[in-house]
Amino acid sequence: MVDTLTNIMGSEGIETLLAVSHGSASRQFIKAAAPEGFELPAKLPNCAIMIFDFDEAKPQAEGEPMQCKFTLQQIVDPQQSH
């Protein structure tokens, strides 16, 4: 999922992306993108909205893969937003 979304975000003209996924896959993506020390909730709320920033790839040393970075900014529970 991280690789797929990184490829999409790297496409020309893409600045904003809406991706919809199942809770378990979303949870794994959050684990990969959460800042150090982030405490993942025991359970994601139904219809949770996760907001990420994306930093473009930066050149690495020869032979190393490009590093793109998603950074979790917020988890929104739409049931608590009224």
N, C-alpha and C. Protein backbone atom coordinates (compact mmCIF):
# COMPACT_ATOMS: atom_id res chain seq x y z
N MET A 1 0.82 -1.19 0.00
CA MET A 1 0.00 0.00 0.00
C MET A 1 0.88 1.26 0.00
N VAL A 2 1.93 1.26 0.80
CA VAL A 2 2.83 2.42 0.83
C VAL A 2 3.45 2.63 -0.55
N ASP A 3 3.93 1.55 -1.18
CA ASP A 3 4.54 1.67 -2.50
C ASP A 3 3.53 2.18 -3.53
N THR A 4 2.32 1.65 -3.51
CA THR A 4 1.29 2.06 -4.47
C THR A 4 0.96 3.53 -4.31
N LEU A 5 0.72 3.98 -3.08
CA LEU A 5 0.38 5.38 -2.86
C LEU A 5 1.56 6.30 -3.16
N THR A 6 2.77 5.83 -2.90
CA THR A 6 3.96 6.61 -3.24
C THR A 6 4.05 6.80 -4.75
N ASN A 7 3.79 5.72 -5.51
CA ASN A 7 3.81 5.81 -6.97
C ASN A 7 2.75 6.79 -7.48
N ILE A 8 1.55 6.73 -6.91
CA ILE A 8 0.48 7.63 -7.33
C ILE A 8 0.86 9.07 -7.01
N MET A 9 1.36 9.31 -5.80
CA MET A 9 1.72 10.68 -5.41
C MET A 9 2.88 11.22 -6.25
N GLY A 10 3.70 10.33 -6.78
CA GLY A 10 4.82 10.76 -7.61
C GLY A 10 4.42 11.10 -9.04
N SER A 11 3.17 10.82 -9.40
CA SER A 11 2.70 11.12 -10.75
C SER A 11 2.58 12.63 -10.95
N GLU A 12 2.85 13.05 -12.16
CA GLU A 12 2.80 14.48 -12.49
C GLU A 12 1.39 15.04 -12.27
N GLY A 13 1.32 16.18 -11.60
CA GLY A 13 0.05 16.88 -11.40
C GLY A 13 -0.74 16.45 -10.18
N ILE A 14 -0.27 15.44 -9.45
CA ILE A 14 -1.00 14.97 -8.27
C ILE A 14 -0.54 15.79 -7.07
N GLU A 15 -1.48 16.49 -6.45
CA GLU A 15 -1.18 17.26 -5.24
C GLU A 15 -2.00 16.78 -4.06
N THR A 16 -3.20 16.27 -4.35
CA THR A 16 -4.10 15.79 -3.31
C THR A 16 -4.63 14.44 -3.75
N LEU A 17 -4.76 13.51 -2.81
CA LEU A 17 -5.22 12.17 -3.13
C LEU A 17 -6.19 11.69 -2.07
N LEU A 18 -7.29 11.09 -2.51
CA LEU A 18 -8.22 10.43 -1.61
C LEU A 18 -8.08 8.94 -1.85
N ALA A 19 -7.68 8.21 -0.83
CA ALA A 19 -7.56 6.76 -0.92
C ALA A 19 -8.51 6.16 0.11
N VAL A 20 -9.26 5.15 -0.30
CA VAL A 20 -10.23 4.50 0.59
C VAL A 20 -9.76 3.07 0.79
N SER A 21 -9.79 2.61 2.04
CA SER A 21 -9.28 1.28 2.34
C SER A 21 -10.00 0.67 3.53
N HIS A 22 -9.78 -0.61 3.71
CA HIS A 22 -10.31 -1.35 4.86
C HIS A 22 -9.52 -0.98 6.11
N GLY A 23 -10.13 -1.08 7.25
CA GLY A 23 -9.50 -0.68 8.51
C GLY A 23 -8.16 -1.34 8.79
N SER A 24 -8.05 -2.65 8.51
CA SER A 24 -6.79 -3.35 8.81
C SER A 24 -5.65 -2.84 7.94
N ALA A 25 -5.92 -2.61 6.66
CA ALA A 25 -4.89 -2.08 5.76
C ALA A 25 -4.53 -0.65 6.16
N SER A 26 -5.54 0.12 6.54
CA SER A 26 -5.29 1.50 6.99
C SER A 26 -4.40 1.51 8.23
N ARG A 27 -4.67 0.60 9.13
CA ARG A 27 -3.89 0.51 10.37
C ARG A 27 -2.41 0.21 10.05
N GLN A 28 -2.16 -0.70 9.12
CA GLN A 28 -0.79 -1.03 8.75
C GLN A 28 -0.10 0.17 8.07
N PHE A 29 -0.86 0.90 7.26
CA PHE A 29 -0.31 2.09 6.62
C PHE A 29 0.05 3.13 7.68
N ILE A 30 -0.82 3.31 8.67
CA ILE A 30 -0.54 4.26 9.76
C ILE A 30 0.74 3.86 10.49
N LYS A 31 0.89 2.57 10.78
CA LYS A 31 2.11 2.10 11.46
C LYS A 31 3.35 2.48 10.67
N ALA A 32 3.26 2.38 9.34
CA ALA A 32 4.40 2.69 8.49
C ALA A 32 4.67 4.19 8.42
N ALA A 33 3.63 5.02 8.63
CA ALA A 33 3.76 6.46 8.40
C ALA A 33 3.65 7.32 9.66
N ALA A 34 3.33 6.72 10.77
CA ALA A 34 3.15 7.51 11.99
C ALA A 34 4.49 8.04 12.50
N PRO A 35 4.47 9.22 13.10
CA PRO A 35 5.72 9.75 13.66
C PRO A 35 6.19 8.89 14.83
N GLU A 36 7.48 8.95 15.10
CA GLU A 36 8.05 8.19 16.21
C GLU A 36 7.34 8.56 17.51
N GLY A 37 6.99 7.55 18.28
CA GLY A 37 6.33 7.78 19.56
C GLY A 37 4.81 7.89 19.45
N PHE A 38 4.27 7.84 18.21
CA PHE A 38 2.82 7.94 18.04
C PHE A 38 2.15 6.72 18.65
N GLU A 39 1.13 6.94 19.45
CA GLU A 39 0.40 5.84 20.06
C GLU A 39 -0.84 5.56 19.23
N LEU A 40 -0.81 4.44 18.53
CA LEU A 40 -1.92 4.04 17.67
C LEU A 40 -3.12 3.67 18.53
N PRO A 41 -4.33 4.17 18.19
CA PRO A 41 -5.50 3.80 18.98
C PRO A 41 -5.72 2.29 18.93
N ALA A 42 -6.32 1.74 19.98
CA ALA A 42 -6.59 0.30 20.03
C ALA A 42 -7.48 -0.11 18.86
N LYS A 43 -8.41 0.76 18.49
CA LYS A 43 -9.32 0.47 17.38
C LYS A 43 -9.55 1.76 16.61
N LEU A 44 -9.46 1.69 15.29
CA LEU A 44 -9.78 2.86 14.47
C LEU A 44 -11.29 3.04 14.46
N PRO A 45 -11.76 4.28 14.53
CA PRO A 45 -13.20 4.52 14.47
C PRO A 45 -13.76 4.12 13.10
N ASN A 46 -15.04 3.76 13.06
CA ASN A 46 -15.69 3.49 11.77
C ASN A 46 -15.60 4.74 10.91
N CYS A 47 -15.29 4.53 9.64
CA CYS A 47 -15.19 5.63 8.66
C CYS A 47 -14.14 6.67 9.04
N ALA A 48 -13.10 6.25 9.75
CA ALA A 48 -12.04 7.18 10.16
C ALA A 48 -11.40 7.83 8.94
N ILE A 49 -11.01 9.07 9.13
CA ILE A 49 -10.33 9.84 8.08
C ILE A 49 -8.91 10.09 8.59
N MET A 50 -7.94 9.58 7.84
CA MET A 50 -6.54 9.79 8.20
C MET A 50 -5.95 10.82 7.25
N ILE A 51 -5.32 11.84 7.81
CA ILE A 51 -4.74 12.91 7.01
C ILE A 51 -3.22 12.81 7.10
N PHE A 52 -2.59 12.73 5.92
CA PHE A 52 -1.13 12.59 5.83
C PHE A 52 -0.54 13.72 5.01
N ASP A 53 0.68 14.09 5.32
CA ASP A 53 1.50 14.92 4.45
C ASP A 53 2.39 13.97 3.66
N PHE A 54 2.83 14.42 2.50
CA PHE A 54 3.72 13.62 1.67
C PHE A 54 4.91 14.45 1.27
N ASP A 55 6.10 13.95 1.54
CA ASP A 55 7.34 14.62 1.13
C ASP A 55 7.88 13.88 -0.09
N GLU A 56 8.20 14.64 -1.11
CA GLU A 56 8.73 14.07 -2.35
C GLU A 56 10.01 13.29 -2.08
N ALA A 57 10.32 12.39 -3.00
CA ALA A 57 11.54 11.60 -2.90
C ALA A 57 12.76 12.49 -3.00
N LYS A 58 13.75 12.16 -2.24
CA LYS A 58 15.03 12.87 -2.30
C LYS A 58 16.08 11.88 -2.80
N PRO A 59 17.00 12.32 -3.63
CA PRO A 59 18.03 11.41 -4.14
C PRO A 59 18.83 10.80 -2.98
N GLN A 60 19.10 9.53 -3.10
CA GLN A 60 19.88 8.81 -2.10
C GLN A 60 21.24 8.46 -2.69
N ALA A 61 22.06 7.83 -1.89
CA ALA A 61 23.36 7.36 -2.38
C ALA A 61 23.13 6.36 -3.51
N GLU A 62 24.09 6.25 -4.39
CA GLU A 62 23.96 5.34 -5.53
C GLU A 62 23.63 3.93 -5.05
N GLY A 63 22.64 3.32 -5.70
CA GLY A 63 22.24 1.96 -5.36
C GLY A 63 21.17 1.88 -4.29
N GLU A 64 20.87 2.98 -3.62
CA GLU A 64 19.82 2.97 -2.60
C GLU A 64 18.51 3.44 -3.22
N PRO A 65 17.37 2.88 -2.75
CA PRO A 65 16.08 3.30 -3.30
C PRO A 65 15.75 4.73 -2.90
N MET A 66 14.92 5.38 -3.73
CA MET A 66 14.43 6.72 -3.41
C MET A 66 13.57 6.62 -2.15
N GLN A 67 13.65 7.61 -1.29
CA GLN A 67 12.90 7.62 -0.04
C GLN A 67 11.78 8.66 -0.13
N CYS A 68 10.53 8.20 -0.14
CA CYS A 68 9.38 9.09 -0.06
C CYS A 68 8.80 8.91 1.33
N LYS A 69 8.15 9.94 1.80
CA LYS A 69 7.71 9.87 3.18
C LYS A 69 6.29 10.40 3.34
N PHE A 70 5.43 9.56 3.91
CA PHE A 70 4.11 9.98 4.35
C PHE A 70 4.21 10.25 5.84
N THR A 71 3.63 11.33 6.30
CA THR A 71 3.64 11.66 7.72
C THR A 71 2.21 11.84 8.19
N LEU A 72 1.81 11.03 9.16
CA LEU A 72 0.46 11.12 9.71
C LEU A 72 0.30 12.44 10.45
N GLN A 73 -0.73 13.20 10.08
CA GLN A 73 -1.03 14.47 10.72
C GLN A 73 -2.18 14.35 11.71
N GLN A 74 -3.19 13.57 11.35
CA GLN A 74 -4.39 13.55 12.18
C GLN A 74 -5.25 12.34 11.83
N ILE A 75 -5.96 11.80 12.84
CA ILE A 75 -7.01 10.81 12.63
C ILE A 75 -8.31 11.47 13.07
N VAL A 76 -9.26 11.56 12.15
CA VAL A 76 -10.54 12.20 12.44
C VAL A 76 -11.61 11.13 12.60
N ASP A 77 -12.37 11.22 13.68
CA ASP A 77 -13.52 10.35 13.89
C ASP A 77 -14.75 11.15 13.48
N PRO A 78 -15.34 10.85 12.30
CA PRO A 78 -16.47 11.66 11.83
C PRO A 78 -17.69 11.60 12.76
N GLN A 79 -17.77 10.57 13.58
CA GLN A 79 -18.90 10.46 14.51
C GLN A 79 -18.74 11.43 15.68
N GLN A 80 -17.52 11.93 15.92
CA GLN A 80 -17.26 12.88 17.00
C GLN A 80 -17.18 14.31 16.49
N SER A 81 -17.37 14.51 15.19
CA SER A 81 -17.15 15.82 14.59
C SER A 81 -18.39 16.72 14.56
N HIS A 82 -19.52 16.28 15.09
CA HIS A 82 -20.70 17.15 15.01
C HIS A 82 -20.57 18.24 16.03
